[in-house]
């Protein structure tokens, strides 16, 4: 089904606005992920883009690479026709944000990763780190989601307070909704506060019981002493 045409710098003609037919499987030529909603493409060229990938900026100033701006490349320029993403370490064959001067490359989706993220299994937000959190190279560091060893050359999500780490893919596959993050943290804090209050209440109750027992013992001893004097 055709909606509206749109030009894109990666192709020398218009891309049609399309809707995915039931049962048809198409991958995006930009991010290589499956297309599930509205998209633009050309059936003749077998070339398709998510609507969000269609509108990505041509260049990007990324905090992970402050020295130079990153430029969108529709295809890798290396002789291998592929690139190794500096963020996740996996191989890419499609679009990238690239710095040719430094041979620095990012997947489109890795370049758009949020600075903070909240997982369902951890109460605190995790921060996106571009470097390994430990300088000691002998430290063995495992992902707390999949329990697989972390690569110190790749980005990760990390909670310094809990020493909790997650691979990029492990974190983004288990993200809680952003609007629930503060609510979840508050819920966790309230739960912890209630537990502390419950413990304190039990301690006070135990103190009262002990005091009553001591008082009863002293009274009994006093009565016995009085009887001895008679």
Protein backbone atom coordinates (compact mmCIF):
# COMPACT_ATOMS: atom_id res chain seq x y z
CA UNK A 1 0.00 0.00 0.00
CA UNK A 2 1.50 3.35 -1.06
CA UNK A 3 1.15 6.50 1.06
CA UNK A 4 3.68 9.21 0.22
CA UNK A 5 7.04 9.37 -1.55
CA UNK A 6 10.21 10.57 0.16
CA UNK A 7 13.76 11.19 -0.99
CA UNK A 8 16.74 9.79 0.86
CA UNK A 9 20.45 10.51 0.43
CA UNK A 10 21.32 6.79 0.40
CA UNK A 11 19.43 6.16 -2.85
CA UNK A 12 19.27 8.08 -6.12
CA UNK A 13 15.49 8.02 -6.43
CA UNK A 14 12.33 8.39 -4.36
CA UNK A 15 11.37 5.86 -1.70
CA UNK A 16 7.71 4.96 -1.43
CA UNK A 17 5.87 5.11 1.88
CA UNK A 18 4.69 1.54 2.40
CA UNK A 19 2.78 -0.62 4.85
CA UNK A 20 4.00 -4.12 5.62
CA UNK A 21 1.83 -6.86 4.15
CA UNK A 22 0.67 -9.59 6.53
CA UNK A 23 3.20 -12.42 6.77
CA UNK A 24 5.92 -10.54 4.87
CA UNK A 25 9.36 -10.25 6.50
CA UNK A 26 11.59 -7.29 5.66
CA UNK A 27 14.76 -5.99 7.34
CA UNK A 28 15.73 -2.33 7.45
CA UNK A 29 18.75 -1.48 5.29
CA UNK A 30 19.87 1.10 7.83
CA UNK A 31 19.78 -0.69 11.19
CA UNK A 32 19.36 -4.29 9.93
CA UNK A 33 16.47 -4.88 12.35
CA UNK A 34 13.10 -6.32 11.23
CA UNK A 35 10.44 -3.90 10.02
CA UNK A 36 7.10 -4.29 11.78
CA UNK A 37 5.33 -0.99 11.10
CA UNK A 38 5.11 1.74 8.45
CA UNK A 39 8.28 2.20 6.41
CA UNK A 40 9.71 3.62 3.19
CA UNK A 41 11.23 1.54 0.46
CA UNK A 42 11.59 0.42 -3.11
CA UNK A 43 10.49 -3.09 -4.03
CA UNK A 44 12.46 -2.94 -7.30
CA UNK A 45 15.72 -2.20 -5.46
CA UNK A 46 14.85 -4.39 -2.47
CA UNK A 47 15.71 -1.39 -0.30
CA UNK A 48 13.74 -0.51 2.85
CA UNK A 49 14.04 1.86 5.80
CA UNK A 50 12.14 2.28 9.06
CA UNK A 51 10.50 5.70 9.16
CA UNK A 52 12.75 6.62 12.11
CA UNK A 53 15.84 5.46 10.20
CA UNK A 54 14.73 7.46 7.17
CA UNK A 55 14.99 10.65 9.21
CA UNK A 56 18.29 10.12 11.02
CA UNK A 57 20.65 13.15 10.96
CA UNK A 58 23.48 13.15 8.41
CA UNK A 59 26.02 13.94 11.13
CA UNK A 60 26.21 13.59 14.89
CA UNK A 61 28.38 14.97 17.68
CA UNK A 62 28.52 12.05 20.10
CA UNK A 63 29.84 12.26 23.66
CA UNK A 64 31.73 9.00 23.20
CA UNK A 65 33.87 10.60 20.48
CA UNK A 66 34.17 14.32 21.24
CA UNK A 67 37.19 14.92 18.98
CA UNK A 68 35.28 14.75 15.69
CA UNK A 69 31.69 14.66 14.46
CA UNK A 70 30.37 11.33 13.20
CA UNK A 71 28.98 11.10 9.67
CA UNK A 72 26.30 8.70 8.46
CA UNK A 73 27.59 6.19 5.93
CA UNK A 74 25.00 4.12 4.02
CA UNK A 75 27.62 1.41 3.48
CA UNK A 76 30.92 0.61 5.22
CA UNK A 77 33.92 1.99 3.34
CA UNK A 78 36.37 -0.66 4.53
CA UNK A 79 37.65 -3.31 2.12
CA UNK A 80 35.81 -5.95 4.13
CA UNK A 81 32.49 -4.17 3.35
CA UNK A 82 31.69 -4.34 7.05
CA UNK A 83 32.61 -2.58 10.29
CA UNK A 84 33.08 -3.49 13.94
CA UNK A 85 30.91 -1.34 16.19
CA UNK A 86 32.96 0.44 18.86
CA UNK A 87 29.98 0.33 21.20
CA UNK A 88 28.80 -3.30 21.21
CA UNK A 89 31.63 -4.99 19.30
CA UNK A 90 29.40 -6.78 16.81
CA UNK A 91 29.83 -6.61 13.04
CA UNK A 92 27.71 -4.23 10.98
CA UNK A 93 27.04 -4.29 7.24
CA UNK A 94 24.61 -1.40 6.89
CA UNK A 95 24.42 2.24 8.02
CA UNK A 96 26.88 3.55 10.57
CA UNK A 97 27.84 6.76 12.30
CA UNK A 98 31.51 6.92 11.40
CA UNK A 99 34.69 8.94 11.90
CA UNK A 100 37.00 8.06 9.00
CA UNK A 101 39.94 9.87 10.61
CA UNK A 102 39.83 7.64 13.73
CA UNK A 103 38.20 4.54 12.21
CA UNK A 104 35.49 4.88 14.83
CA UNK A 105 32.12 3.36 13.93
CA UNK A 106 28.77 2.95 15.64
CA UNK A 107 25.62 1.11 14.68
CA UNK A 108 22.71 3.51 14.19
CA UNK A 109 20.89 2.02 17.19
CA UNK A 110 24.02 2.08 19.38
CA UNK A 111 24.54 5.78 18.66
CA UNK A 112 20.99 6.44 19.92
CA UNK A 113 21.29 4.50 23.20
CA UNK A 114 19.93 6.44 26.21
CA UNK A 115 22.39 7.77 28.80
CA UNK A 116 20.38 6.13 31.60
CA UNK A 117 18.24 3.04 31.66
CA UNK A 118 16.13 1.12 34.18
CA UNK A 119 15.92 -2.67 34.23
CA UNK A 120 13.08 -4.71 35.64
CA UNK A 121 15.47 -6.70 37.84
CA UNK A 122 17.40 -3.78 39.37
CA UNK A 123 16.00 -0.94 41.51
CA UNK A 124 18.42 1.79 40.37
CA UNK A 125 19.02 3.43 37.02
CA UNK A 126 22.08 2.22 35.11
CA UNK A 127 24.42 4.73 33.48
CA UNK A 128 25.84 4.22 30.00
CA UNK A 129 29.64 3.91 30.25
CA UNK A 130 31.97 4.23 27.27
CA UNK A 131 34.89 2.78 29.23
CA UNK A 132 35.42 -0.14 31.61
CA UNK A 133 34.72 0.86 35.24
CA UNK A 134 37.91 -0.81 36.53
CA UNK A 135 41.46 0.22 35.60
CA UNK A 136 42.87 -3.08 36.88
CA UNK A 137 43.04 -5.33 33.80
CA UNK A 138 43.08 -8.48 35.93
CA UNK A 139 39.53 -7.84 37.12
CA UNK A 140 37.07 -10.40 35.71
CA UNK A 141 33.73 -8.67 35.22
CA UNK A 142 30.51 -10.50 34.34
CA UNK A 143 27.19 -9.21 33.06
CA UNK A 144 24.67 -9.42 35.90
CA UNK A 145 21.89 -10.22 33.42
CA UNK A 146 23.39 -13.09 31.37
CA UNK A 147 26.44 -13.95 33.56
CA UNK A 148 28.76 -13.80 30.53
CA UNK A 149 32.16 -12.12 30.85
CA UNK A 150 32.21 -8.43 29.85
CA UNK A 151 34.62 -7.16 27.19
CA UNK A 152 36.54 -4.22 28.62
CA UNK A 153 36.72 -2.57 25.15
CA UNK A 154 32.95 -2.28 24.78
CA UNK A 155 30.31 0.01 26.27
CA UNK A 156 28.12 -1.15 29.12
CA UNK A 157 25.33 -0.06 31.45
CA UNK A 158 26.48 0.19 35.06
CA UNK A 159 25.25 0.98 38.58
CA UNK A 160 28.29 2.06 40.63
CA UNK A 161 26.43 1.86 43.95
CA UNK A 162 25.65 -1.83 43.50
CA UNK A 163 28.52 -2.77 41.14
CA UNK A 164 25.80 -4.03 38.77
CA UNK A 165 26.66 -4.23 35.05
CA UNK A 166 24.87 -5.27 31.87
CA UNK A 167 25.80 -5.71 28.23
CA UNK A 168 24.13 -3.19 25.93
CA UNK A 169 21.94 -5.85 24.35
CA UNK A 170 21.08 -7.40 27.72
CA UNK A 171 20.07 -4.01 29.10
CA UNK A 172 18.06 -2.76 26.13
CA UNK A 173 16.23 -6.08 25.91
CA UNK A 174 14.97 -5.74 29.50
CA UNK A 175 14.13 -2.07 29.79
CA UNK A 176 11.33 -0.87 32.01
CA UNK A 177 9.22 1.97 30.65
CA UNK A 178 10.84 5.33 31.29
CA UNK A 179 7.80 6.80 33.00
CA UNK A 180 7.88 3.94 35.50
CA UNK A 181 11.50 4.48 36.55
CA UNK A 182 10.93 7.03 39.31
CA UNK A 183 7.82 5.15 40.45
CA UNK A 184 9.79 1.89 40.71
CA UNK A 185 12.61 3.56 42.64
CA UNK A 186 10.13 5.15 45.03
CA UNK A 187 8.38 1.81 45.48
CA UNK A 188 11.70 0.14 46.28
CA UNK A 189 12.67 2.85 48.75
CA UNK A 190 9.25 2.73 50.47
CA UNK A 191 9.48 -1.05 50.71
CA UNK A 192 12.95 -0.83 52.24
CA UNK A 193 11.75 1.86 54.66
CA UNK A 194 8.80 -0.29 55.71
CA UNK A 195 11.14 -3.22 56.36
CA UNK A 196 13.38 -1.07 58.56
CA UNK A 197 10.35 0.26 60.44
CA UNK A 198 9.04 -3.29 60.94
CA UNK A 199 12.39 -4.40 62.33
CA UNK A 200 12.49 -1.41 64.66
CA UNK A 201 8.95 -2.17 65.87
CA UNK A 202 9.90 -5.79 66.59
CA UNK A 203 13.01 -4.65 68.46
CA UNK A 204 10.92 -2.28 70.62
CA UNK A 205 8.38 -5.01 71.35
CA UNK A 206 11.17 -7.37 72.38
CA UNK A 207 12.62 -4.66 74.64
CA UNK A 208 9.23 -4.20 76.33
CA UNK A 209 8.91 -7.95 76.90
CA UNK A 210 12.41 -8.14 78.39
CA UNK A 211 11.72 -5.15 80.65
CA UNK A 212 8.48 -6.75 81.88
CA UNK A 213 10.30 -10.00 82.61
CA UNK A 214 13.05 -8.22 84.56
CA UNK A 215 10.44 -6.25 86.54
CA UNK A 216 8.52 -9.43 87.37
CA UNK A 217 11.73 -11.15 88.46
CA UNK A 218 12.68 -8.26 90.73
CA UNK A 219 9.20 -8.23 92.29
CA UNK A 220 9.38 -11.97 92.92
CA UNK A 221 12.79 -11.63 94.50
CA UNK A 222 11.47 -8.80 96.70
CA UNK A 223 8.54 -10.94 97.89
CA UNK A 224 10.85 -13.84 98.69
CA UNK A 225 13.16 -11.55 100.66
CA UNK A 226 10.20 -10.19 102.65
CA UNK A 227 9.04 -13.72 103.49
CA UNK A 228 12.50 -14.63 104.71
CA UNK A 229 12.36 -11.75 107.20
CA UNK A 230 9.09 -12.96 108.75
